Amino acid sequence: MTEPVSESGILSPRYPVAPGSNFTTVPFGQTPSQTVGPYLHIGLPWPDGPDVVPVGTEGAVDISVTVVDGHRTPLADAMIETWQADASGRFDHADDPRGRRSATPAGFRGFGRAVADHTGTATIHTVKPGALPAENDLVEAPHIDIGIFARGVLERLVTRLYFPDETEANASDPVLSQLNDRQAAKLVATATPTGYHLNVVLQDEDPNGDETPFFEL
């Protein structure tokens, strides 16, 4: 890119400021339209971010999430974060009302972060979580909380992944039971040879369309 040159051939500043004026009023042009986009690749991911459990952990599964926009175009610059209980449905944290307990299996950290590939798919390596106690003596079915960051998304979107082999637990889950059957089905993953997969649709102008249910925190 070349600098602008005046008629006299003298190099002119790209953003000229008049003497005595406030430089903060100088127009610098439009900023890039992607609010997250490729910028998340600069410092957010880390090498073992997708590994919620150590490589080689017995019983580990792959949780893959494909993110598409309203035109069903895969978002190759999306990033997902996951948060979940361990295989026993416990948290190694003082805020767990049942008391803090070492994670099962060993090395489980509960949190994962992965960037989508060119197909809009990000994969987390973890274990299937246990059920969780809820209010009023209810029980939440095993699930994984998912946070989604992508271009055009000013605040992260939050949804859940439930498991297709937990039919009875899903039927009584206090969160899924607040959704109609069609909406609830969008949060239930499909089984794969190595784990489970969930499709996430960010937009749909049809209120009865394919958009994934998101949660207000």
N, C-alpha and C. Protein backbone atom coordinates (compact mmCIF):
# COMPACT_ATOMS: atom_id res chain seq x y z
N MET A 1 0.86 -1.19 0.00
CA MET A 1 0.00 0.00 0.00
C MET A 1 0.89 1.23 0.00
N THR A 2 0.66 2.20 -0.92
CA THR A 2 1.48 3.40 -1.02
C THR A 2 0.84 4.54 -0.26
N GLU A 3 1.67 5.47 0.22
CA GLU A 3 1.17 6.65 0.90
C GLU A 3 0.70 7.67 -0.13
N PRO A 4 -0.33 8.50 0.21
CA PRO A 4 -0.82 9.50 -0.74
C PRO A 4 0.23 10.57 -1.00
N VAL A 5 0.30 11.03 -2.24
CA VAL A 5 1.28 12.05 -2.63
C VAL A 5 0.55 13.26 -3.18
N SER A 6 0.96 14.46 -2.78
CA SER A 6 0.32 15.69 -3.23
C SER A 6 0.76 16.01 -4.65
N GLU A 7 0.15 17.06 -5.24
CA GLU A 7 0.49 17.44 -6.61
C GLU A 7 1.95 17.87 -6.73
N SER A 8 2.52 18.35 -5.62
CA SER A 8 3.92 18.79 -5.65
C SER A 8 4.89 17.62 -5.55
N GLY A 9 4.34 16.44 -5.34
CA GLY A 9 5.21 15.28 -5.23
C GLY A 9 5.68 15.02 -3.81
N ILE A 10 5.23 15.84 -2.86
CA ILE A 10 5.64 15.67 -1.46
C ILE A 10 4.72 14.67 -0.79
N LEU A 11 5.31 13.77 -0.04
CA LEU A 11 4.53 12.75 0.65
C LEU A 11 3.59 13.40 1.65
N SER A 12 2.32 13.08 1.57
CA SER A 12 1.32 13.64 2.48
C SER A 12 0.95 12.61 3.54
N PRO A 13 0.68 13.05 4.74
CA PRO A 13 0.26 12.10 5.79
C PRO A 13 -1.08 11.49 5.43
N ARG A 14 -1.24 10.22 5.76
CA ARG A 14 -2.50 9.54 5.44
C ARG A 14 -3.67 10.16 6.19
N TYR A 15 -3.43 10.55 7.46
CA TYR A 15 -4.49 11.14 8.27
C TYR A 15 -4.02 12.51 8.75
N PRO A 16 -4.12 13.54 7.87
CA PRO A 16 -3.60 14.86 8.22
C PRO A 16 -4.38 15.49 9.38
N VAL A 17 -3.65 16.20 10.23
CA VAL A 17 -4.25 16.90 11.36
C VAL A 17 -3.84 18.36 11.28
N ALA A 18 -4.84 19.24 11.36
CA ALA A 18 -4.56 20.67 11.31
C ALA A 18 -3.92 21.10 12.62
N PRO A 19 -2.95 22.03 12.56
CA PRO A 19 -2.29 22.50 13.79
C PRO A 19 -3.32 23.01 14.80
N GLY A 20 -3.16 22.59 16.04
CA GLY A 20 -4.04 23.06 17.10
C GLY A 20 -5.34 22.27 17.22
N SER A 21 -5.58 21.34 16.29
CA SER A 21 -6.83 20.58 16.34
C SER A 21 -6.65 19.34 17.22
N ASN A 22 -7.76 18.70 17.56
CA ASN A 22 -7.76 17.49 18.38
C ASN A 22 -7.62 16.29 17.45
N PHE A 23 -6.52 15.53 17.59
CA PHE A 23 -6.28 14.42 16.66
C PHE A 23 -7.34 13.33 16.78
N THR A 24 -8.08 13.30 17.91
CA THR A 24 -9.08 12.25 18.09
C THR A 24 -10.27 12.43 17.17
N THR A 25 -10.37 13.58 16.52
CA THR A 25 -11.50 13.83 15.62
C THR A 25 -11.19 13.40 14.19
N VAL A 26 -9.98 12.94 13.95
CA VAL A 26 -9.59 12.55 12.60
C VAL A 26 -10.30 11.24 12.22
N PRO A 27 -10.97 11.18 11.06
CA PRO A 27 -11.63 9.94 10.65
C PRO A 27 -10.60 8.90 10.19
N PHE A 28 -10.67 7.72 10.76
CA PHE A 28 -9.72 6.66 10.42
C PHE A 28 -10.34 5.59 9.54
N GLY A 29 -11.54 5.80 9.07
CA GLY A 29 -12.15 4.80 8.20
C GLY A 29 -12.90 3.74 8.98
N GLN A 30 -13.58 2.89 8.26
CA GLN A 30 -14.41 1.85 8.86
C GLN A 30 -13.56 0.70 9.38
N THR A 31 -13.87 0.25 10.58
CA THR A 31 -13.17 -0.91 11.13
C THR A 31 -13.70 -2.19 10.49
N PRO A 32 -12.96 -3.28 10.57
CA PRO A 32 -13.42 -4.54 9.97
C PRO A 32 -14.78 -4.95 10.53
N SER A 33 -15.59 -5.57 9.70
CA SER A 33 -16.96 -5.91 10.09
C SER A 33 -17.04 -7.13 10.99
N GLN A 34 -15.99 -7.94 11.05
CA GLN A 34 -16.02 -9.14 11.87
C GLN A 34 -15.71 -8.79 13.32
N THR A 35 -16.69 -9.01 14.21
CA THR A 35 -16.50 -8.67 15.61
C THR A 35 -15.63 -9.67 16.32
N VAL A 36 -15.61 -10.90 15.88
CA VAL A 36 -14.72 -11.91 16.43
C VAL A 36 -13.83 -12.43 15.30
N GLY A 37 -14.46 -13.10 14.36
CA GLY A 37 -13.78 -13.54 13.15
C GLY A 37 -12.41 -14.15 13.39
N PRO A 38 -11.45 -13.79 12.56
CA PRO A 38 -10.12 -14.41 12.67
C PRO A 38 -9.33 -13.96 13.89
N TYR A 39 -9.79 -12.89 14.57
CA TYR A 39 -9.02 -12.36 15.68
C TYR A 39 -8.90 -13.36 16.83
N LEU A 40 -9.89 -14.21 16.99
CA LEU A 40 -9.83 -15.17 18.09
C LEU A 40 -8.67 -16.15 17.93
N HIS A 41 -8.18 -16.30 16.71
CA HIS A 41 -7.09 -17.24 16.47
C HIS A 41 -5.75 -16.71 16.98
N ILE A 42 -5.70 -15.43 17.33
CA ILE A 42 -4.42 -14.83 17.70
C ILE A 42 -3.95 -15.30 19.07
N GLY A 43 -4.84 -15.34 20.07
CA GLY A 43 -4.36 -15.67 21.40
C GLY A 43 -5.27 -16.55 22.24
N LEU A 44 -6.50 -16.79 21.80
CA LEU A 44 -7.42 -17.55 22.64
C LEU A 44 -7.18 -19.05 22.66
N PRO A 45 -6.94 -19.69 21.53
CA PRO A 45 -6.73 -21.15 21.58
C PRO A 45 -5.39 -21.49 22.22
N TRP A 46 -5.31 -22.65 22.82
CA TRP A 46 -4.02 -23.17 23.28
C TRP A 46 -3.92 -24.63 22.89
N PRO A 47 -2.71 -25.20 22.83
CA PRO A 47 -2.52 -26.53 22.23
C PRO A 47 -3.44 -27.63 22.76
N ASP A 48 -3.61 -27.72 24.08
CA ASP A 48 -4.45 -28.80 24.61
C ASP A 48 -5.84 -28.30 25.01
N GLY A 49 -6.25 -27.17 24.45
CA GLY A 49 -7.56 -26.62 24.76
C GLY A 49 -8.71 -27.58 24.54
N PRO A 50 -8.69 -28.38 23.47
CA PRO A 50 -9.79 -29.32 23.24
C PRO A 50 -9.77 -30.54 24.15
N ASP A 51 -8.70 -30.73 24.93
CA ASP A 51 -8.55 -31.95 25.73
C ASP A 51 -9.03 -31.74 27.15
N VAL A 52 -10.31 -32.02 27.39
CA VAL A 52 -10.87 -31.91 28.74
C VAL A 52 -10.31 -33.01 29.64
N VAL A 53 -9.95 -34.12 29.03
CA VAL A 53 -9.28 -35.21 29.75
C VAL A 53 -7.96 -35.50 29.03
N PRO A 54 -6.98 -36.07 29.75
CA PRO A 54 -5.70 -36.39 29.10
C PRO A 54 -5.89 -37.37 27.95
N VAL A 55 -5.04 -37.24 26.96
CA VAL A 55 -5.07 -38.16 25.81
C VAL A 55 -4.89 -39.59 26.30
N GLY A 56 -5.72 -40.48 25.80
CA GLY A 56 -5.64 -41.88 26.19
C GLY A 56 -6.49 -42.26 27.37
N THR A 57 -7.28 -41.32 27.92
CA THR A 57 -8.15 -41.61 29.06
C THR A 57 -9.19 -42.66 28.69
N GLU A 58 -9.35 -43.66 29.53
CA GLU A 58 -10.34 -44.70 29.27
C GLU A 58 -11.75 -44.10 29.31
N GLY A 59 -12.56 -44.46 28.33
CA GLY A 59 -13.93 -43.96 28.27
C GLY A 59 -14.08 -42.59 27.64
N ALA A 60 -12.99 -42.02 27.13
CA ALA A 60 -13.07 -40.70 26.51
C ALA A 60 -13.91 -40.74 25.24
N VAL A 61 -14.59 -39.64 24.95
CA VAL A 61 -15.41 -39.52 23.75
C VAL A 61 -15.08 -38.20 23.05
N ASP A 62 -15.38 -38.16 21.76
CA ASP A 62 -15.22 -36.93 20.98
C ASP A 62 -16.57 -36.25 20.88
N ILE A 63 -16.63 -34.99 21.31
CA ILE A 63 -17.84 -34.18 21.18
C ILE A 63 -17.59 -33.18 20.06
N SER A 64 -18.26 -33.36 18.93
CA SER A 64 -18.07 -32.43 17.80
C SER A 64 -19.31 -31.55 17.66
N VAL A 65 -19.06 -30.29 17.35
CA VAL A 65 -20.13 -29.30 17.19
C VAL A 65 -19.91 -28.56 15.89
N THR A 66 -20.90 -28.58 15.00
CA THR A 66 -20.81 -27.85 13.74
C THR A 66 -21.69 -26.61 13.82
N VAL A 67 -21.11 -25.44 13.57
CA VAL A 67 -21.83 -24.18 13.66
C VAL A 67 -22.05 -23.62 12.26
N VAL A 68 -23.32 -23.31 11.94
CA VAL A 68 -23.66 -22.71 10.65
C VAL A 68 -24.47 -21.45 10.89
N ASP A 69 -24.45 -20.54 9.90
CA ASP A 69 -25.21 -19.29 10.05
C ASP A 69 -26.60 -19.43 9.45
N GLY A 70 -27.30 -18.31 9.32
CA GLY A 70 -28.67 -18.35 8.82
C GLY A 70 -28.80 -18.84 7.40
N HIS A 71 -27.72 -18.74 6.63
CA HIS A 71 -27.73 -19.24 5.26
C HIS A 71 -27.21 -20.68 5.19
N ARG A 72 -27.00 -21.27 6.35
CA ARG A 72 -26.48 -22.63 6.48
C ARG A 72 -25.04 -22.74 5.97
N THR A 73 -24.33 -21.61 6.05
CA THR A 73 -22.92 -21.60 5.69
C THR A 73 -22.07 -21.92 6.91
N PRO A 74 -21.18 -22.89 6.84
CA PRO A 74 -20.34 -23.23 7.99
C PRO A 74 -19.48 -22.04 8.41
N LEU A 75 -19.34 -21.83 9.72
CA LEU A 75 -18.53 -20.73 10.23
C LEU A 75 -17.14 -21.25 10.59
N ALA A 76 -16.23 -21.10 9.65
CA ALA A 76 -14.88 -21.62 9.84
C ALA A 76 -14.10 -20.82 10.87
N ASP A 77 -14.60 -19.64 11.27
CA ASP A 77 -13.89 -18.84 12.27
C ASP A 77 -14.60 -18.88 13.62
N ALA A 78 -15.48 -19.84 13.82
CA ALA A 78 -16.17 -19.96 15.10
C ALA A 78 -15.28 -20.63 16.14
N MET A 79 -15.62 -20.41 17.39
CA MET A 79 -14.92 -21.07 18.49
C MET A 79 -15.96 -21.51 19.51
N ILE A 80 -15.77 -22.69 20.08
CA ILE A 80 -16.69 -23.14 21.11
C ILE A 80 -15.93 -23.37 22.42
N GLU A 81 -16.65 -23.19 23.51
CA GLU A 81 -16.15 -23.53 24.83
C GLU A 81 -17.15 -24.47 25.49
N THR A 82 -16.67 -25.42 26.26
CA THR A 82 -17.56 -26.35 26.93
C THR A 82 -17.27 -26.35 28.43
N TRP A 83 -18.33 -26.61 29.21
CA TRP A 83 -18.21 -26.71 30.65
C TRP A 83 -19.13 -27.82 31.10
N GLN A 84 -18.65 -28.71 31.95
CA GLN A 84 -19.45 -29.86 32.31
C GLN A 84 -19.02 -30.46 33.64
N ALA A 85 -19.90 -31.30 34.19
CA ALA A 85 -19.55 -32.09 35.37
C ALA A 85 -18.67 -33.26 34.93
N ASP A 86 -18.05 -33.92 35.90
CA ASP A 86 -17.22 -35.07 35.56
C ASP A 86 -18.09 -36.31 35.36
N ALA A 87 -17.47 -37.46 35.21
CA ALA A 87 -18.21 -38.68 34.92
C ALA A 87 -19.13 -39.10 36.05
N SER A 88 -18.90 -38.55 37.25
CA SER A 88 -19.75 -38.86 38.40
C SER A 88 -20.79 -37.78 38.65
N GLY A 89 -20.82 -36.78 37.79
CA GLY A 89 -21.76 -35.68 38.00
C GLY A 89 -21.33 -34.74 39.10
N ARG A 90 -20.03 -34.64 39.33
CA ARG A 90 -19.50 -33.78 40.39
C ARG A 90 -18.56 -32.72 39.82
N PHE A 91 -18.30 -31.69 40.66
CA PHE A 91 -17.37 -30.63 40.31
C PHE A 91 -16.28 -30.56 41.38
N ASP A 92 -15.05 -30.45 40.94
CA ASP A 92 -13.94 -30.29 41.86
C ASP A 92 -13.83 -28.81 42.21
N HIS A 93 -14.88 -28.30 42.89
CA HIS A 93 -14.96 -26.87 43.17
C HIS A 93 -15.76 -26.66 44.45
N ALA A 94 -15.35 -25.65 45.20
CA ALA A 94 -16.00 -25.37 46.49
C ALA A 94 -17.45 -24.97 46.34
N ASP A 95 -17.85 -24.49 45.16
CA ASP A 95 -19.24 -24.06 44.97
C ASP A 95 -20.20 -25.23 44.74
N ASP A 96 -19.68 -26.43 44.57
CA ASP A 96 -20.56 -27.59 44.44
C ASP A 96 -21.24 -27.80 45.80
N PRO A 97 -22.58 -27.68 45.88
CA PRO A 97 -23.27 -27.78 47.17
C PRO A 97 -23.09 -29.14 47.85
N ARG A 98 -22.68 -30.14 47.11
CA ARG A 98 -22.44 -31.46 47.70
C ARG A 98 -21.04 -31.58 48.28
N GLY A 99 -20.24 -30.53 48.09
CA GLY A 99 -18.87 -30.54 48.57
C GLY A 99 -17.89 -30.82 47.45
N ARG A 100 -16.70 -30.32 47.61
CA ARG A 100 -15.66 -30.50 46.60
C ARG A 100 -15.13 -31.93 46.62
N ARG A 101 -14.89 -32.49 45.43
CA ARG A 101 -14.35 -33.84 45.35
C ARG A 101 -13.44 -33.97 44.14
N SER A 102 -12.39 -34.73 44.29
CA SER A 102 -11.45 -34.91 43.18
C SER A 102 -12.19 -35.44 41.96
N ALA A 103 -11.76 -34.96 40.79
CA ALA A 103 -12.46 -35.28 39.55
C ALA A 103 -12.30 -36.73 39.15
N THR A 104 -13.33 -37.22 38.48
CA THR A 104 -13.32 -38.56 37.89
C THR A 104 -13.60 -38.43 36.39
N PRO A 105 -12.69 -38.91 35.54
CA PRO A 105 -11.41 -39.58 35.83
C PRO A 105 -10.32 -38.58 36.21
N ALA A 106 -9.18 -39.11 36.62
CA ALA A 106 -8.05 -38.25 36.98
C ALA A 106 -7.62 -37.42 35.79
N GLY A 107 -7.33 -36.15 36.06
CA GLY A 107 -6.90 -35.25 34.98
C GLY A 107 -8.03 -34.50 34.32
N PHE A 108 -9.28 -34.84 34.66
CA PHE A 108 -10.44 -34.14 34.10
C PHE A 108 -10.44 -32.70 34.60
N ARG A 109 -10.65 -31.73 33.69
CA ARG A 109 -10.62 -30.33 34.11
C ARG A 109 -11.94 -29.62 33.90
N GLY A 110 -12.90 -30.23 33.21
CA GLY A 110 -14.24 -29.65 33.10
C GLY A 110 -14.43 -28.63 32.00
N PHE A 111 -13.37 -27.96 31.57
CA PHE A 111 -13.47 -26.87 30.60
C PHE A 111 -12.70 -27.21 29.34
N GLY A 112 -13.28 -26.90 28.18
CA GLY A 112 -12.60 -27.11 26.92
C GLY A 112 -12.80 -25.94 25.97
N ARG A 113 -11.87 -25.76 25.06
CA ARG A 113 -11.99 -24.68 24.06
C ARG A 113 -11.40 -25.18 22.75
N ALA A 114 -12.15 -25.02 21.65
CA ALA A 114 -11.69 -25.49 20.35
C ALA A 114 -12.17 -24.56 19.25
N VAL A 115 -11.36 -24.40 18.23
CA VAL A 115 -11.68 -23.56 17.08
C VAL A 115 -12.18 -24.43 15.94
N ALA A 116 -13.20 -23.97 15.24
CA ALA A 116 -13.79 -24.74 14.15
C ALA A 116 -12.84 -24.82 12.95
N ASP A 117 -12.97 -25.91 12.21
CA ASP A 117 -12.20 -26.06 10.97
C ASP A 117 -13.01 -25.49 9.81
N HIS A 118 -12.60 -25.76 8.57
CA HIS A 118 -13.25 -25.16 7.40
C HIS A 118 -14.69 -25.63 7.23
N THR A 119 -15.08 -26.69 7.92
CA THR A 119 -16.46 -27.17 7.84
C THR A 119 -17.33 -26.57 8.94
N GLY A 120 -16.75 -25.68 9.76
CA GLY A 120 -17.50 -25.11 10.87
C GLY A 120 -17.57 -26.04 12.07
N THR A 121 -16.73 -27.08 12.09
CA THR A 121 -16.79 -28.09 13.14
C THR A 121 -15.62 -27.98 14.10
N ALA A 122 -15.94 -27.95 15.39
CA ALA A 122 -14.94 -27.96 16.45
C ALA A 122 -15.15 -29.22 17.28
N THR A 123 -14.07 -29.81 17.77
CA THR A 123 -14.17 -31.07 18.49
C THR A 123 -13.48 -30.98 19.85
N ILE A 124 -14.18 -31.48 20.86
CA ILE A 124 -13.69 -31.53 22.23
C ILE A 124 -13.52 -32.99 22.63
N HIS A 125 -12.42 -33.32 23.31
CA HIS A 125 -12.16 -34.67 23.78
C HIS A 125 -12.43 -34.72 25.28
N THR A 126 -13.42 -35.48 25.70
CA THR A 126 -13.85 -35.45 27.08
C THR A 126 -14.45 -36.79 27.49
N VAL A 127 -15.18 -36.79 28.60
CA VAL A 127 -15.94 -37.97 29.02
C VAL A 127 -17.40 -37.55 29.17
N LYS A 128 -18.27 -38.51 29.05
CA LYS A 128 -19.68 -38.23 29.24
C LYS A 128 -19.94 -37.89 30.71
N PRO A 129 -20.59 -36.75 30.98
CA PRO A 129 -20.81 -36.35 32.37
C PRO A 129 -21.93 -37.15 33.03
N GLY A 130 -21.91 -37.15 34.36
CA GLY A 130 -22.99 -37.78 35.11
C GLY A 130 -24.15 -36.82 35.28
N ALA A 131 -25.26 -37.31 35.84
CA ALA A 131 -26.44 -36.48 36.09
C ALA A 131 -26.14 -35.51 37.24
N LEU A 132 -26.94 -34.43 37.32
CA LEU A 132 -26.73 -33.39 38.32
C LEU A 132 -28.00 -33.15 39.13
N PRO A 133 -27.89 -32.89 40.43
CA PRO A 133 -29.08 -32.53 41.20
C PRO A 133 -29.53 -31.12 40.84
N ALA A 134 -30.84 -30.91 40.84
CA ALA A 134 -31.40 -29.60 40.54
C ALA A 134 -32.33 -29.19 41.68
N GLU A 135 -32.97 -28.04 41.53
CA GLU A 135 -33.87 -27.55 42.57
C GLU A 135 -35.10 -28.44 42.68
N ASN A 136 -35.74 -28.37 43.84
CA ASN A 136 -36.98 -29.11 44.10
C ASN A 136 -36.80 -30.61 43.93
N ASP A 137 -35.63 -31.10 44.30
CA ASP A 137 -35.34 -32.53 44.26
C ASP A 137 -35.39 -33.12 42.85
N LEU A 138 -35.26 -32.28 41.84
CA LEU A 138 -35.22 -32.77 40.47
C LEU A 138 -33.78 -33.14 40.09
N VAL A 139 -33.64 -33.81 38.97
CA VAL A 139 -32.32 -34.22 38.50
C VAL A 139 -32.15 -33.79 37.05
N GLU A 140 -31.04 -33.13 36.79
CA GLU A 140 -30.73 -32.74 35.41
C GLU A 140 -30.07 -33.91 34.70
N ALA A 141 -30.52 -34.18 33.49
CA ALA A 141 -29.92 -35.25 32.69
C ALA A 141 -28.47 -34.89 32.38
N PRO A 142 -27.63 -35.88 32.13
CA PRO A 142 -26.25 -35.59 31.72
C PRO A 142 -26.24 -34.63 30.53
N HIS A 143 -25.43 -33.62 30.60
CA HIS A 143 -25.38 -32.63 29.52
C HIS A 143 -24.05 -31.89 29.57
N ILE A 144 -23.76 -31.20 28.48
CA ILE A 144 -22.58 -30.35 28.39
C ILE A 144 -23.03 -28.95 27.98
N ASP A 145 -22.61 -27.94 28.73
CA ASP A 145 -22.90 -26.55 28.38
C ASP A 145 -21.93 -26.10 27.30
N ILE A 146 -22.45 -25.38 26.32
CA ILE A 146 -21.63 -24.96 25.18
C ILE A 146 -21.74 -23.45 24.99
N GLY A 147 -20.60 -22.77 24.93
CA GLY A 147 -20.55 -21.35 24.60
C GLY A 147 -20.01 -21.19 23.19
N ILE A 148 -20.62 -20.29 22.42
CA ILE A 148 -20.25 -20.13 21.01
C ILE A 148 -19.84 -18.69 20.74
N PHE A 149 -18.67 -18.54 20.12
CA PHE A 149 -18.17 -17.24 19.68
C PHE A 149 -18.00 -17.30 18.17
N ALA A 150 -18.41 -16.25 17.46
CA ALA A 150 -18.30 -16.26 16.00
C ALA A 150 -18.43 -14.84 15.48
N ARG A 151 -18.13 -14.67 14.21
CA ARG A 151 -18.25 -13.35 13.59
C ARG A 151 -19.69 -12.86 13.67
N GLY A 152 -19.82 -11.58 13.99
CA GLY A 152 -21.15 -11.00 14.10
C GLY A 152 -21.84 -11.27 15.42
N VAL A 153 -21.21 -12.03 16.30
CA VAL A 153 -21.80 -12.35 17.60
C VAL A 153 -21.13 -11.46 18.65
N LEU A 154 -21.86 -10.48 19.16
CA LEU A 154 -21.27 -9.52 20.10
C LEU A 154 -21.08 -10.12 21.48
N GLU A 155 -21.97 -11.02 21.87
CA GLU A 155 -21.84 -11.72 23.13
C GLU A 155 -21.96 -13.22 22.86
N ARG A 156 -21.26 -14.02 23.64
CA ARG A 156 -21.28 -15.45 23.39
C ARG A 156 -22.71 -15.99 23.48
N LEU A 157 -22.99 -16.98 22.68
CA LEU A 157 -24.25 -17.69 22.73
C LEU A 157 -24.06 -18.95 23.56
N VAL A 158 -25.05 -19.28 24.36
CA VAL A 158 -24.93 -20.44 25.25
C VAL A 158 -26.07 -21.42 24.98
N THR A 159 -25.71 -22.66 24.81
CA THR A 159 -26.70 -23.71 24.61
C THR A 159 -26.23 -24.97 25.33
N ARG A 160 -26.93 -26.08 25.10
CA ARG A 160 -26.56 -27.32 25.76
C ARG A 160 -26.57 -28.48 24.78
N LEU A 161 -25.79 -29.50 25.12
CA LEU A 161 -25.79 -30.74 24.38
C LEU A 161 -26.25 -31.85 25.34
N TYR A 162 -27.32 -32.54 24.95
CA TYR A 162 -27.80 -33.69 25.70
C TYR A 162 -27.49 -34.96 24.90
N PHE A 163 -27.61 -36.11 25.55
CA PHE A 163 -27.17 -37.36 24.95
C PHE A 163 -28.35 -38.23 24.50
N PRO A 164 -28.26 -38.81 23.30
CA PRO A 164 -29.37 -39.59 22.75
C PRO A 164 -29.64 -40.89 23.49
N ASP A 165 -28.64 -41.38 24.25
CA ASP A 165 -28.83 -42.63 24.97
C ASP A 165 -29.28 -42.41 26.42
N GLU A 166 -29.80 -41.22 26.70
CA GLU A 166 -30.33 -40.89 28.03
C GLU A 166 -31.81 -40.51 27.90
N THR A 167 -32.58 -41.33 27.20
CA THR A 167 -33.98 -41.01 26.89
C THR A 167 -34.80 -40.73 28.14
N GLU A 168 -34.71 -41.60 29.14
CA GLU A 168 -35.51 -41.44 30.36
C GLU A 168 -35.09 -40.20 31.14
N ALA A 169 -33.78 -39.99 31.27
CA ALA A 169 -33.29 -38.81 31.99
C ALA A 169 -33.65 -37.53 31.25
N ASN A 170 -33.56 -37.54 29.92
CA ASN A 170 -33.92 -36.35 29.14
C ASN A 170 -35.39 -36.00 29.30
N ALA A 171 -36.24 -37.01 29.41
CA ALA A 171 -37.69 -36.78 29.50
C ALA A 171 -38.06 -36.04 30.78
N SER A 172 -37.27 -36.22 31.84
CA SER A 172 -37.59 -35.57 33.11
C SER A 172 -36.65 -34.41 33.42
N ASP A 173 -35.78 -34.07 32.51
CA ASP A 173 -34.85 -32.97 32.73
C ASP A 173 -35.62 -31.65 32.87
N PRO A 174 -35.36 -30.85 33.91
CA PRO A 174 -36.14 -29.62 34.13
C PRO A 174 -35.92 -28.54 33.08
N VAL A 175 -34.82 -28.62 32.34
CA VAL A 175 -34.59 -27.64 31.27
C VAL A 175 -35.26 -28.08 29.98
N LEU A 176 -35.00 -29.31 29.55
CA LEU A 176 -35.61 -29.81 28.32
C LEU A 176 -37.13 -29.81 28.40
N SER A 177 -37.67 -30.05 29.60
CA SER A 177 -39.12 -30.13 29.75
C SER A 177 -39.81 -28.79 29.54
N GLN A 178 -39.05 -27.70 29.53
CA GLN A 178 -39.63 -26.38 29.27
C GLN A 178 -39.73 -26.08 27.78
N LEU A 179 -39.17 -26.95 26.96
CA LEU A 179 -39.20 -26.77 25.52
C LEU A 179 -40.19 -27.74 24.90
N ASN A 180 -40.76 -27.36 23.75
CA ASN A 180 -41.61 -28.32 23.05
C ASN A 180 -40.73 -29.40 22.43
N ASP A 181 -41.34 -30.45 21.96
CA ASP A 181 -40.58 -31.61 21.48
C ASP A 181 -39.61 -31.24 20.37
N ARG A 182 -40.05 -30.35 19.46
CA ARG A 182 -39.20 -29.98 18.32
C ARG A 182 -37.97 -29.20 18.79
N GLN A 183 -38.18 -28.27 19.71
CA GLN A 183 -37.07 -27.48 20.21
C GLN A 183 -36.13 -28.33 21.06
N ALA A 184 -36.69 -29.18 21.89
CA ALA A 184 -35.86 -30.03 22.74
C ALA A 184 -34.99 -30.96 21.91
N ALA A 185 -35.53 -31.44 20.80
CA ALA A 185 -34.79 -32.38 19.96
C ALA A 185 -33.54 -31.73 19.36
N LYS A 186 -33.54 -30.40 19.22
CA LYS A 186 -32.39 -29.71 18.65
C LYS A 186 -31.18 -29.72 19.59
N LEU A 187 -31.43 -30.01 20.86
CA LEU A 187 -30.34 -30.03 21.84
C LEU A 187 -29.82 -31.43 22.11
N VAL A 188 -30.43 -32.42 21.48
CA VAL A 188 -30.00 -33.80 21.68
C VAL A 188 -29.04 -34.19 20.55
N ALA A 189 -27.85 -34.57 20.92
CA ALA A 189 -26.82 -34.91 19.93
C ALA A 189 -27.14 -36.23 19.24
N THR A 190 -26.42 -36.50 18.18
CA THR A 190 -26.50 -37.81 17.52
C THR A 190 -25.22 -38.58 17.84
N ALA A 191 -25.34 -39.88 17.90
CA ALA A 191 -24.18 -40.72 18.20
C ALA A 191 -23.29 -40.84 16.97
N THR A 192 -21.99 -40.90 17.20
CA THR A 192 -21.00 -41.10 16.14
C THR A 192 -20.12 -42.28 16.55
N PRO A 193 -19.30 -42.79 15.64
CA PRO A 193 -18.42 -43.92 16.01
C PRO A 193 -17.49 -43.63 17.18
N THR A 194 -17.15 -42.35 17.40
CA THR A 194 -16.21 -42.02 18.49
C THR A 194 -16.83 -41.17 19.59
N GLY A 195 -18.11 -40.86 19.48
CA GLY A 195 -18.72 -40.01 20.50
C GLY A 195 -20.08 -39.48 20.10
N TYR A 196 -20.19 -38.14 20.07
CA TYR A 196 -21.48 -37.51 19.81
C TYR A 196 -21.28 -36.24 18.99
N HIS A 197 -22.33 -35.87 18.23
CA HIS A 197 -22.25 -34.69 17.38
C HIS A 197 -23.51 -33.85 17.51
N LEU A 198 -23.33 -32.52 17.53
CA LEU A 198 -24.46 -31.59 17.60
C LEU A 198 -24.31 -30.53 16.52
N ASN A 199 -25.40 -30.28 15.78
CA ASN A 199 -25.43 -29.18 14.81
C ASN A 199 -26.04 -27.95 15.49
N VAL A 200 -25.39 -26.80 15.31
CA VAL A 200 -25.87 -25.54 15.88
C VAL A 200 -26.16 -24.57 14.75
N VAL A 201 -27.41 -24.10 14.68
CA VAL A 201 -27.83 -23.12 13.67
C VAL A 201 -28.02 -21.79 14.37
N LEU A 202 -27.29 -20.76 13.93
CA LEU A 202 -27.32 -19.48 14.63
C LEU A 202 -28.54 -18.64 14.33
N GLN A 203 -29.12 -18.77 13.15
CA GLN A 203 -30.24 -17.91 12.78
C GLN A 203 -31.24 -18.66 11.94
N ASP A 204 -32.49 -18.24 12.07
CA ASP A 204 -33.54 -18.72 11.17
C ASP A 204 -34.70 -17.75 11.31
N GLU A 205 -35.09 -17.09 10.21
CA GLU A 205 -36.17 -16.12 10.26
C GLU A 205 -37.51 -16.76 10.61
N ASP A 206 -37.63 -18.04 10.34
CA ASP A 206 -38.84 -18.77 10.68
C ASP A 206 -38.78 -19.16 12.16
N PRO A 207 -39.71 -18.64 13.00
CA PRO A 207 -39.67 -18.97 14.43
C PRO A 207 -39.82 -20.46 14.71
N ASN A 208 -40.33 -21.19 13.75
CA ASN A 208 -40.47 -22.64 13.89
C ASN A 208 -39.42 -23.38 13.07
N GLY A 209 -38.37 -22.66 12.71
CA GLY A 209 -37.34 -23.23 11.84
C GLY A 209 -36.30 -24.03 12.61
N ASP A 210 -35.07 -23.97 12.11
CA ASP A 210 -34.01 -24.83 12.62
C ASP A 210 -33.09 -24.15 13.62
N GLU A 211 -33.32 -22.87 13.95
CA GLU A 211 -32.42 -22.20 14.86
C GLU A 211 -32.34 -22.93 16.19
N THR A 212 -31.12 -23.05 16.68
CA THR A 212 -30.88 -23.74 17.95
C THR A 212 -31.39 -22.91 19.13
N PRO A 213 -32.01 -23.52 20.12
CA PRO A 213 -32.40 -22.78 21.33
C PRO A 213 -31.16 -22.32 22.09
N PHE A 214 -31.14 -21.04 22.45
CA PHE A 214 -30.04 -20.50 23.25
C PHE A 214 -30.58 -20.02 24.58
N PHE A 215 -29.71 -19.96 25.58
CA PHE A 215 -30.13 -19.65 26.94
C PHE A 215 -29.70 -18.25 27.34
N GLU A 216 -30.57 -17.57 28.06
CA GLU A 216 -30.27 -16.24 28.57
C GLU A 216 -29.68 -16.36 29.96
N LEU A 217 -28.45 -15.90 30.15
CA LEU A 217 -27.78 -16.04 31.44
C LEU A 217 -27.90 -14.76 32.25
